[in-house]
Amino acid sequence: MSVHLLLSAGRGPQECAWALAKLLHRLEADATRQGLETHRTRTVPGDRAGTAVRATHRPTGIVVTVDTERQFSLNRRRHRQRVAVTVERGSGD
């Protein structure tokens, strides 16, 4: 009997890829403990290039990175919001 699984984090946030990697490791370990044989037919890195936004706020040196969204424009919007909040908190200390 064979069981085939297709596991994919799709183009979700990086947390999905991390969770999937942990799940895959756990499934393989459980299969080994049960005496089952596993094979990875193909592993493909995610296609997330070009969507993350990382920048340094020069006056304060604060670095902010955002890669939670699938679209660059949404990450850029979130990045601007996060920089503003972070700078306000940093300058208020």
PDB file of N, CA and C in Angstrom:
ATOM      1  N   MET A   1       0.849  -1.181   0.000  1.00  0.00           N
ATOM      2  CA  MET A   1       0.000   0.000   0.000  1.00  0.00           C
ATOM      3  C   MET A   1       0.888   1.235   0.000  1.00  0.00           C
ATOM      4  N   SER A   2       0.535   2.200  -0.791  1.00  0.00           N
ATOM      5  CA  SER A   2       1.265   3.462  -0.856  1.00  0.00           C
ATOM      6  C   SER A   2       0.336   4.617  -0.520  1.00  0.00           C
ATOM      7  N   VAL A   3       0.894   5.599   0.146  1.00  0.00           N
ATOM      8  CA  VAL A   3       0.168   6.829   0.449  1.00  0.00           C
ATOM      9  C   VAL A   3       1.007   7.975  -0.088  1.00  0.00           C
ATOM     10  N   HIS A   4       0.396   8.833  -0.878  1.00  0.00           N
ATOM     11  CA  HIS A   4       1.088   9.980  -1.440  1.00  0.00           C
ATOM     12  C   HIS A   4       0.518  11.245  -0.824  1.00  0.00           C
ATOM     13  N   LEU A   5       1.400  12.107  -0.339  1.00  0.00           N
ATOM     14  CA  LEU A   5       0.981  13.375   0.245  1.00  0.00           C
ATOM     15  C   LEU A   5       1.601  14.517  -0.538  1.00  0.00           C
ATOM     16  N   LEU A   6       0.823  15.537  -0.792  1.00  0.00           N
ATOM     17  CA  LEU A   6       1.335  16.763  -1.382  1.00  0.00           C
ATOM     18  C   LEU A   6       1.225  17.830  -0.306  1.00  0.00           C
ATOM     19  N   LEU A   7       2.363  18.301   0.154  1.00  0.00           N
ATOM     20  CA  LEU A   7       2.387  19.320   1.192  1.00  0.00           C
ATOM     21  C   LEU A   7       2.897  20.610   0.581  1.00  0.00           C
ATOM     22  N   SER A   8       2.190  21.701   0.830  1.00  0.00           N
ATOM     23  CA  SER A   8       2.589  22.964   0.235  1.00  0.00           C
ATOM     24  C   SER A   8       2.273  24.117   1.177  1.00  0.00           C
ATOM     25  N   ALA A   9       3.224  25.031   1.286  1.00  0.00           N
ATOM     26  CA  ALA A   9       2.975  26.269   2.017  1.00  0.00           C
ATOM     27  C   ALA A   9       2.484  27.342   1.048  1.00  0.00           C
ATOM     28  N   GLY A  10       2.419  26.966  -0.224  1.00  0.00           N
ATOM     29  CA  GLY A  10       1.952  27.908  -1.237  1.00  0.00           C
ATOM     30  C   GLY A  10       2.777  29.169  -1.232  1.00  0.00           C
ATOM     31  N   ARG A  11       2.111  30.267  -1.364  1.00  0.00           N
ATOM     32  CA  ARG A  11       2.797  31.558  -1.309  1.00  0.00           C
ATOM     33  C   ARG A  11       2.394  32.289  -0.038  1.00  0.00           C
ATOM     34  N   GLY A  12       2.096  31.508   0.990  1.00  0.00           N
ATOM     35  CA  GLY A  12       1.699  32.100   2.259  1.00  0.00           C
ATOM     36  C   GLY A  12       2.862  32.769   2.965  1.00  0.00           C
ATOM     37  N   PRO A  13       2.605  33.318   4.140  1.00  0.00           N
ATOM     38  CA  PRO A  13       3.670  33.958   4.903  1.00  0.00           C
ATOM     39  C   PRO A  13       4.772  32.966   5.259  1.00  0.00           C
ATOM     40  N   GLN A  14       5.931  33.471   5.619  1.00  0.00           N
ATOM     41  CA  GLN A  14       7.071  32.620   5.956  1.00  0.00           C
ATOM     42  C   GLN A  14       6.733  31.647   7.077  1.00  0.00           C
ATOM     43  N   GLU A  15       5.840  32.038   7.980  1.00  0.00           N
ATOM     44  CA  GLU A  15       5.453  31.151   9.071  1.00  0.00           C
ATOM     45  C   GLU A  15       4.867  29.844   8.545  1.00  0.00           C
ATOM     46  N   CYS A  16       4.175  29.902   7.406  1.00  0.00           N
ATOM     47  CA  CYS A  16       3.610  28.683   6.804  1.00  0.00           C
ATOM     48  C   CYS A  16       4.725  27.734   6.369  1.00  0.00           C
ATOM     49  N   ALA A  17       5.768  28.267   5.768  1.00  0.00           N
ATOM     50  CA  ALA A  17       6.885  27.432   5.335  1.00  0.00           C
ATOM     51  C   ALA A  17       7.581  26.806   6.531  1.00  0.00           C
ATOM     52  N   TRP A  18       7.761  27.574   7.608  1.00  0.00           N
ATOM     53  CA  TRP A  18       8.397  27.025   8.813  1.00  0.00           C
ATOM     54  C   TRP A  18       7.536  25.924   9.423  1.00  0.00           C
ATOM     55  N   ALA A  19       6.238  26.170   9.520  1.00  0.00           N
ATOM     56  CA  ALA A  19       5.331  25.171  10.094  1.00  0.00           C
ATOM     57  C   ALA A  19       5.320  23.903   9.250  1.00  0.00           C
ATOM     58  N   LEU A  20       5.327  24.059   7.943  1.00  0.00           N
ATOM     59  CA  LEU A  20       5.324  22.901   7.053  1.00  0.00           C
ATOM     60  C   LEU A  20       6.613  22.102   7.193  1.00  0.00           C
ATOM     61  N   ALA A  21       7.736  22.779   7.329  1.00  0.00           N
ATOM     62  CA  ALA A  21       9.018  22.085   7.515  1.00  0.00           C
ATOM     63  C   ALA A  21       8.996  21.270   8.804  1.00  0.00           C
ATOM     64  N   LYS A  22       8.445  21.837   9.881  1.00  0.00           N
ATOM     65  CA  LYS A  22       8.345  21.106  11.150  1.00  0.00           C
ATOM     66  C   LYS A  22       7.403  19.908  11.006  1.00  0.00           C
ATOM     67  N   LEU A  23       6.291  20.099  10.316  1.00  0.00           N
ATOM     68  CA  LEU A  23       5.337  19.011  10.101  1.00  0.00           C
ATOM     69  C   LEU A  23       5.977  17.880   9.318  1.00  0.00           C
ATOM     70  N   LEU A  24       6.683  18.218   8.260  1.00  0.00           N
ATOM     71  CA  LEU A  24       7.328  17.197   7.437  1.00  0.00           C
ATOM     72  C   LEU A  24       8.346  16.409   8.251  1.00  0.00           C
ATOM     73  N   HIS A  25       9.145  17.096   9.042  1.00  0.00           N
ATOM     74  CA  HIS A  25      10.129  16.424   9.899  1.00  0.00           C
ATOM     75  C   HIS A  25       9.427  15.469  10.866  1.00  0.00           C
ATOM     76  N   ARG A  26       8.338  15.933  11.442  1.00  0.00           N
ATOM     77  CA  ARG A  26       7.588  15.102  12.399  1.00  0.00           C
ATOM     78  C   ARG A  26       6.965  13.878  11.725  1.00  0.00           C
ATOM     79  N   LEU A  27       6.395  14.072  10.537  1.00  0.00           N
ATOM     80  CA  LEU A  27       5.801  12.945   9.805  1.00  0.00           C
ATOM     81  C   LEU A  27       6.854  11.892   9.463  1.00  0.00           C
ATOM     82  N   GLU A  28       8.025  12.353   9.011  1.00  0.00           N
ATOM     83  CA  GLU A  28       9.093  11.414   8.670  1.00  0.00           C
ATOM     84  C   GLU A  28       9.587  10.674   9.904  1.00  0.00           C
ATOM     85  N   ALA A  29       9.718  11.372  11.026  1.00  0.00           N
ATOM     86  CA  ALA A  29      10.161  10.726  12.271  1.00  0.00           C
ATOM     87  C   ALA A  29       9.129   9.700  12.744  1.00  0.00           C
ATOM     88  N   ASP A  30       7.849  10.051  12.686  1.00  0.00           N
ATOM     89  CA  ASP A  30       6.791   9.116  13.083  1.00  0.00           C
ATOM     90  C   ASP A  30       6.772   7.879  12.184  1.00  0.00           C
ATOM     91  N   ALA A  31       6.954   8.089  10.892  1.00  0.00           N
ATOM     92  CA  ALA A  31       6.969   6.964   9.955  1.00  0.00           C
ATOM     93  C   ALA A  31       8.138   6.036  10.262  1.00  0.00           C
ATOM     94  N   THR A  32       9.288   6.586  10.551  1.00  0.00           N
ATOM     95  CA  THR A  32      10.461   5.779  10.883  1.00  0.00           C
ATOM     96  C   THR A  32      10.207   4.953  12.141  1.00  0.00           C
ATOM     97  N   ARG A  33       9.614   5.571  13.164  1.00  0.00           N
ATOM     98  CA  ARG A  33       9.293   4.844  14.403  1.00  0.00           C
ATOM     99  C   ARG A  33       8.316   3.697  14.148  1.00  0.00           C
ATOM    100  N   GLN A  34       7.459   3.862  13.164  1.00  0.00           N
ATOM    101  CA  GLN A  34       6.465   2.824  12.839  1.00  0.00           C
ATOM    102  C   GLN A  34       7.032   1.789  11.864  1.00  0.00           C
ATOM    103  N   GLY A  35       8.277   1.974  11.462  1.00  0.00           N
ATOM    104  CA  GLY A  35       8.892   1.034  10.533  1.00  0.00           C
ATOM    105  C   GLY A  35       8.444   1.232   9.092  1.00  0.00           C
ATOM    106  N   LEU A  36       7.985   2.432   8.771  1.00  0.00           N
ATOM    107  CA  LEU A  36       7.531   2.735   7.414  1.00  0.00           C
ATOM    108  C   LEU A  36       8.645   3.425   6.639  1.00  0.00           C
ATOM    109  N   GLU A  37       8.624   3.247   5.340  1.00  0.00           N
ATOM    110  CA  GLU A  37       9.609   3.859   4.471  1.00  0.00           C
ATOM    111  C   GLU A  37       9.029   5.119   3.850  1.00  0.00           C
ATOM    112  N   THR A  38       9.823   6.187   3.830  1.00  0.00           N
ATOM    113  CA  THR A  38       9.362   7.441   3.225  1.00  0.00           C
ATOM    114  C   THR A  38      10.328   7.866   2.127  1.00  0.00           C
ATOM    115  N   HIS A  39       9.794   8.570   1.149  1.00  0.00           N
ATOM    116  CA  HIS A  39      10.595   9.125   0.060  1.00  0.00           C
ATOM    117  C   HIS A  39      10.082  10.518  -0.252  1.00  0.00           C
ATOM    118  N   ARG A  40      10.994  11.451  -0.378  1.00  0.00           N
ATOM    119  CA  ARG A  40      10.627  12.788  -0.872  1.00  0.00           C
ATOM    120  C   ARG A  40      10.892  12.768  -2.365  1.00  0.00           C
ATOM    121  N   THR A  41       9.842  12.934  -3.113  1.00  0.00           N
ATOM    122  CA  THR A  41      10.042  12.908  -4.561  1.00  0.00           C
ATOM    123  C   THR A  41      10.574  14.232  -5.074  1.00  0.00           C
ATOM    124  N   ARG A  42      10.184  15.326  -4.437  1.00  0.00           N
ATOM    125  CA  ARG A  42      10.661  16.627  -4.889  1.00  0.00           C
ATOM    126  C   ARG A  42      10.444  17.659  -3.797  1.00  0.00           C
ATOM    127  N   THR A  43      11.429  18.485  -3.598  1.00  0.00           N
ATOM    128  CA  THR A  43      11.313  19.615  -2.680  1.00  0.00           C
ATOM    129  C   THR A  43      11.616  20.873  -3.480  1.00  0.00           C
ATOM    130  N   VAL A  44      10.692  21.799  -3.427  1.00  0.00           N
ATOM    131  CA  VAL A  44      10.838  23.029  -4.207  1.00  0.00           C
ATOM    132  C   VAL A  44      10.821  24.204  -3.245  1.00  0.00           C
ATOM    133  N   PRO A  45      11.832  25.075  -3.302  1.00  0.00           N
ATOM    134  CA  PRO A  45      11.809  26.257  -2.438  1.00  0.00           C
ATOM    135  C   PRO A  45      10.652  27.169  -2.822  1.00  0.00           C
ATOM    136  N   GLY A  46      10.144  27.880  -1.842  1.00  0.00           N
ATOM    137  CA  GLY A  46       9.032  28.787  -2.095  1.00  0.00           C
ATOM    138  C   GLY A  46       9.405  29.934  -3.009  1.00  0.00           C
ATOM    139  N   ASP A  47       8.431  30.471  -3.677  1.00  0.00           N
ATOM    140  CA  ASP A  47       8.636  31.597  -4.581  1.00  0.00           C
ATOM    141  C   ASP A  47       8.216  32.872  -3.866  1.00  0.00           C
ATOM    142  N   ARG A  48       9.079  33.366  -2.994  1.00  0.00           N
ATOM    143  CA  ARG A  48       8.752  34.559  -2.224  1.00  0.00           C
ATOM    144  C   ARG A  48       9.672  35.718  -2.575  1.00  0.00           C
ATOM    145  N   ALA A  49      10.537  35.516  -3.534  1.00  0.00           N
ATOM    146  CA  ALA A  49      11.490  36.568  -3.885  1.00  0.00           C
ATOM    147  C   ALA A  49      10.769  37.817  -4.358  1.00  0.00           C
ATOM    148  N   GLY A  50      11.248  38.941  -3.906  1.00  0.00           N
ATOM    149  CA  GLY A  50      10.715  40.195  -4.398  1.00  0.00           C
ATOM    150  C   GLY A  50       9.486  40.706  -3.680  1.00  0.00           C
ATOM    151  N   THR A  51       9.029  40.029  -2.613  1.00  0.00           N
ATOM    152  CA  THR A  51       7.841  40.521  -1.927  1.00  0.00           C
ATOM    153  C   THR A  51       8.160  41.150  -0.577  1.00  0.00           C
ATOM    154  N   ALA A  52       9.296  40.821   0.011  1.00  0.00           N
ATOM    155  CA  ALA A  52       9.642  41.353   1.323  1.00  0.00           C
ATOM    156  C   ALA A  52      10.151  42.790   1.206  1.00  0.00           C
ATOM    157  N   VAL A  53       9.953  43.532   2.295  1.00  0.00           N
ATOM    158  CA  VAL A  53      10.439  44.902   2.372  1.00  0.00           C
ATOM    159  C   VAL A  53      11.313  45.002   3.620  1.00  0.00           C
ATOM    160  N   ARG A  54      12.555  45.459   3.435  1.00  0.00           N
ATOM    161  CA  ARG A  54      13.479  45.653   4.552  1.00  0.00           C
ATOM    162  C   ARG A  54      14.171  46.988   4.348  1.00  0.00           C
ATOM    163  N   ALA A  55      14.172  47.797   5.397  1.00  0.00           N
ATOM    164  CA  ALA A  55      14.812  49.103   5.273  1.00  0.00           C
ATOM    165  C   ALA A  55      15.309  49.566   6.633  1.00  0.00           C
ATOM    166  N   THR A  56      16.277  50.468   6.583  1.00  0.00           N
ATOM    167  CA  THR A  56      16.829  51.063   7.793  1.00  0.00           C
ATOM    168  C   THR A  56      16.395  52.523   7.870  1.00  0.00           C
ATOM    169  N   HIS A  57      15.844  52.919   9.005  1.00  0.00           N
ATOM    170  CA  HIS A  57      15.501  54.322   9.244  1.00  0.00           C
ATOM    171  C   HIS A  57      16.801  55.008   9.648  1.00  0.00           C
ATOM    172  N   ARG A  58      17.372  55.796   8.736  1.00  0.00           N
ATOM    173  CA  ARG A  58      18.715  56.346   8.925  1.00  0.00           C
ATOM    174  C   ARG A  58      18.903  57.184  10.187  1.00  0.00           C
ATOM    175  N   PRO A  59      17.968  58.069  10.516  1.00  0.00           N
ATOM    176  CA  PRO A  59      18.203  58.891  11.715  1.00  0.00           C
ATOM    177  C   PRO A  59      18.324  58.078  13.010  1.00  0.00           C
ATOM    178  N   THR A  60      17.593  56.967  13.106  1.00  0.00           N
ATOM    179  CA  THR A  60      17.608  56.179  14.347  1.00  0.00           C
ATOM    180  C   THR A  60      18.377  54.875  14.223  1.00  0.00           C
ATOM    181  N   GLY A  61      18.624  54.418  12.980  1.00  0.00           N
ATOM    182  CA  GLY A  61      19.301  53.140  12.781  1.00  0.00           C
ATOM    183  C   GLY A  61      18.390  51.936  12.954  1.00  0.00           C
ATOM    184  N   ILE A  62      17.096  52.161  13.106  1.00  0.00           N
ATOM    185  CA  ILE A  62      16.133  51.071  13.296  1.00  0.00           C
ATOM    186  C   ILE A  62      15.923  50.349  11.971  1.00  0.00           C
ATOM    187  N   VAL A  63      16.010  49.010  12.013  1.00  0.00           N
ATOM    188  CA  VAL A  63      15.794  48.187  10.825  1.00  0.00           C
ATOM    189  C   VAL A  63      14.444  47.493  10.975  1.00  0.00           C
ATOM    190  N   VAL A  64      13.615  47.600   9.956  1.00  0.00           N
ATOM    191  CA  VAL A  64      12.286  46.977   9.964  1.00  0.00           C
ATOM    192  C   VAL A  64      12.165  46.116   8.713  1.00  0.00           C
ATOM    193  N   THR A  65      11.708  44.864   8.915  1.00  0.00           N
ATOM    194  CA  THR A  65      11.495  43.934   7.809  1.00  0.00           C
ATOM    195  C   THR A  65      10.059  43.451   7.851  1.00  0.00           C
ATOM    196  N   VAL A  66       9.407  43.430   6.696  1.00  0.00           N
ATOM    197  CA  VAL A  66       8.032  42.931   6.592  1.00  0.00           C
ATOM    198  C   VAL A  66       7.959  41.971   5.410  1.00  0.00           C
ATOM    199  N   ASP A  67       7.495  40.735   5.682  1.00  0.00           N
ATOM    200  CA  ASP A  67       7.302  39.765   4.590  1.00  0.00           C
ATOM    201  C   ASP A  67       6.046  38.934   4.817  1.00  0.00           C
ATOM    202  N   THR A  68       5.066  39.531   5.495  1.00  0.00           N
ATOM    203  CA  THR A  68       3.865  38.781   5.852  1.00  0.00           C
ATOM    204  C   THR A  68       2.836  38.682   4.733  1.00  0.00           C
ATOM    205  N   GLU A  69       2.900  39.597   3.788  1.00  0.00           N
ATOM    206  CA  GLU A  69       1.908  39.606   2.711  1.00  0.00           C
ATOM    207  C   GLU A  69       2.470  38.991   1.433  1.00  0.00           C
ATOM    208  N   ARG A  70       1.594  38.608   0.536  1.00  0.00           N
ATOM    209  CA  ARG A  70       1.998  38.021  -0.741  1.00  0.00           C
ATOM    210  C   ARG A  70       2.400  39.060  -1.776  1.00  0.00           C
ATOM    211  N   GLN A  71       1.925  40.280  -1.587  1.00  0.00           N
ATOM    212  CA  GLN A  71       2.192  41.331  -2.571  1.00  0.00           C
ATOM    213  C   GLN A  71       3.156  42.364  -1.997  1.00  0.00           C
ATOM    214  N   PHE A  72       4.093  42.783  -2.839  1.00  0.00           N
ATOM    215  CA  PHE A  72       5.073  43.784  -2.431  1.00  0.00           C
ATOM    216  C   PHE A  72       4.387  45.061  -1.947  1.00  0.00           C
ATOM    217  N   SER A  73       3.371  45.511  -2.666  1.00  0.00           N
ATOM    218  CA  SER A  73       2.717  46.771  -2.306  1.00  0.00           C
ATOM    219  C   SER A  73       2.076  46.707  -0.920  1.00  0.00           C
ATOM    220  N   LEU A  74       1.510  45.565  -0.563  1.00  0.00           N
ATOM    221  CA  LEU A  74       0.922  45.420   0.775  1.00  0.00           C
ATOM    222  C   LEU A  74       2.010  45.381   1.840  1.00  0.00           C
ATOM    223  N   ASN A  75       3.126  44.695   1.552  1.00  0.00           N
ATOM    224  CA  ASN A  75       4.244  44.681   2.492  1.00  0.00           C
ATOM    225  C   ASN A  75       4.809  46.076   2.683  1.00  0.00           C
ATOM    226  N   ARG A  76       4.902  46.843   1.589  1.00  0.00           N
ATOM    227  CA  ARG A  76       5.426  48.210   1.681  1.00  0.00           C
ATOM    228  C   ARG A  76       4.516  49.073   2.561  1.00  0.00           C
ATOM    229  N   ARG A  77       3.210  48.919   2.402  1.00  0.00           N
ATOM    230  CA  ARG A  77       2.261  49.689   3.228  1.00  0.00           C
ATOM    231  C   ARG A  77       2.422  49.319   4.704  1.00  0.00           C
ATOM    232  N   ARG A  78       2.477  48.018   4.985  1.00  0.00           N
ATOM    233  CA  ARG A  78       2.661  47.573   6.372  1.00  0.00           C
ATOM    234  C   ARG A  78       4.009  48.051   6.922  1.00  0.00           C
ATOM    235  N   HIS A  79       5.016  48.048   6.060  1.00  0.00           N
ATOM    236  CA  HIS A  79       6.350  48.486   6.464  1.00  0.00           C
ATOM    237  C   HIS A  79       6.318  49.940   6.907  1.00  0.00           C
ATOM    238  N   ARG A  80       5.678  50.796   6.121  1.00  0.00           N
ATOM    239  CA  ARG A  80       5.599  52.219   6.480  1.00  0.00           C
ATOM    240  C   ARG A  80       4.910  52.400   7.829  1.00  0.00           C
ATOM    241  N   GLN A  81       3.814  51.650   8.044  1.00  0.00           N
ATOM    242  CA  GLN A  81       3.102  51.744   9.319  1.00  0.00           C
ATOM    243  C   GLN A  81       3.989  51.290  10.469  1.00  0.00           C
ATOM    244  N   ARG A  82       4.687  50.173  10.270  1.00  0.00           N
ATOM    245  CA  ARG A  82       5.528  49.624  11.332  1.00  0.00           C
ATOM    246  C   ARG A  82       6.707  50.543  11.647  1.00  0.00           C
ATOM    247  N   VAL A  83       7.294  51.147  10.629  1.00  0.00           N
ATOM    248  CA  VAL A  83       8.402  52.084  10.854  1.00  0.00           C
ATOM    249  C   VAL A  83       7.905  53.260  11.693  1.00  0.00           C
ATOM    250  N   ALA A  84       6.760  53.811  11.344  1.00  0.00           N
ATOM    251  CA  ALA A  84       6.231  54.961  12.073  1.00  0.00           C
ATOM    252  C   ALA A  84       6.016  54.618  13.552  1.00  0.00           C
ATOM    253  N   VAL A  85       5.415  53.466  13.820  1.00  0.00           N
ATOM    254  CA  VAL A  85       5.160  53.051  15.196  1.00  0.00           C
ATOM    255  C   VAL A  85       6.476  52.795  15.930  1.00  0.00           C
ATOM    256  N   THR A  86       7.410  52.117  15.280  1.00  0.00           N
ATOM    257  CA  THR A  86       8.686  51.782  15.903  1.00  0.00           C
ATOM    258  C   THR A  86       9.491  53.034  16.225  1.00  0.00           C
ATOM    259  N   VAL A  87       9.518  53.990  15.307  1.00  0.00           N
ATOM    260  CA  VAL A  87      10.256  55.238  15.533  1.00  0.00           C
ATOM    261  C   VAL A  87       9.610  56.029  16.669  1.00  0.00           C
ATOM    262  N   GLU A  88       8.279  56.065  16.708  1.00  0.00           N
ATOM    263  CA  GLU A  88       7.591  56.770  17.796  1.00  0.00           C
ATOM    264  C   GLU A  88       7.951  56.168  19.141  1.00  0.00           C
ATOM    265  N   ARG A  89       7.931  54.839  19.228  1.00  0.00           N
ATOM    266  CA  ARG A  89       8.278  54.151  20.484  1.00  0.00           C
ATOM    267  C   ARG A  89       9.732  54.396  20.848  1.00  0.00           C
ATOM    268  N   GLY A  90      10.606  54.338  19.838  1.00  0.00           N
ATOM    269  CA  GLY A  90      12.032  54.525  20.086  1.00  0.00           C
ATOM    270  C   GLY A  90      12.375  55.943  20.534  1.00  0.00           C
ATOM    271  N   SER A  91      11.682  56.925  19.942  1.00  0.00           N
ATOM    272  CA  SER A  91      11.987  58.316  20.275  1.00  0.00           C
ATOM    273  C   SER A  91      11.340  58.732  21.586  1.00  0.00           C
ATOM    274  N   GLY A  92      10.339  57.977  22.035  1.00  0.00           N
ATOM    275  CA  GLY A  92       9.667  58.316  23.294  1.00  0.00           C
ATOM    276  C   GLY A  92      10.391  57.772  24.509  1.00  0.00           C
ATOM    277  N   ASP A  93      11.407  56.913  24.310  1.00  0.00           N
ATOM    278  CA  ASP A  93      12.126  56.319  25.458  1.00  0.00           C
ATOM    279  C   ASP A  93      13.085  57.305  26.081  1.00  0.00           C
TER     280      ASP A  93
END
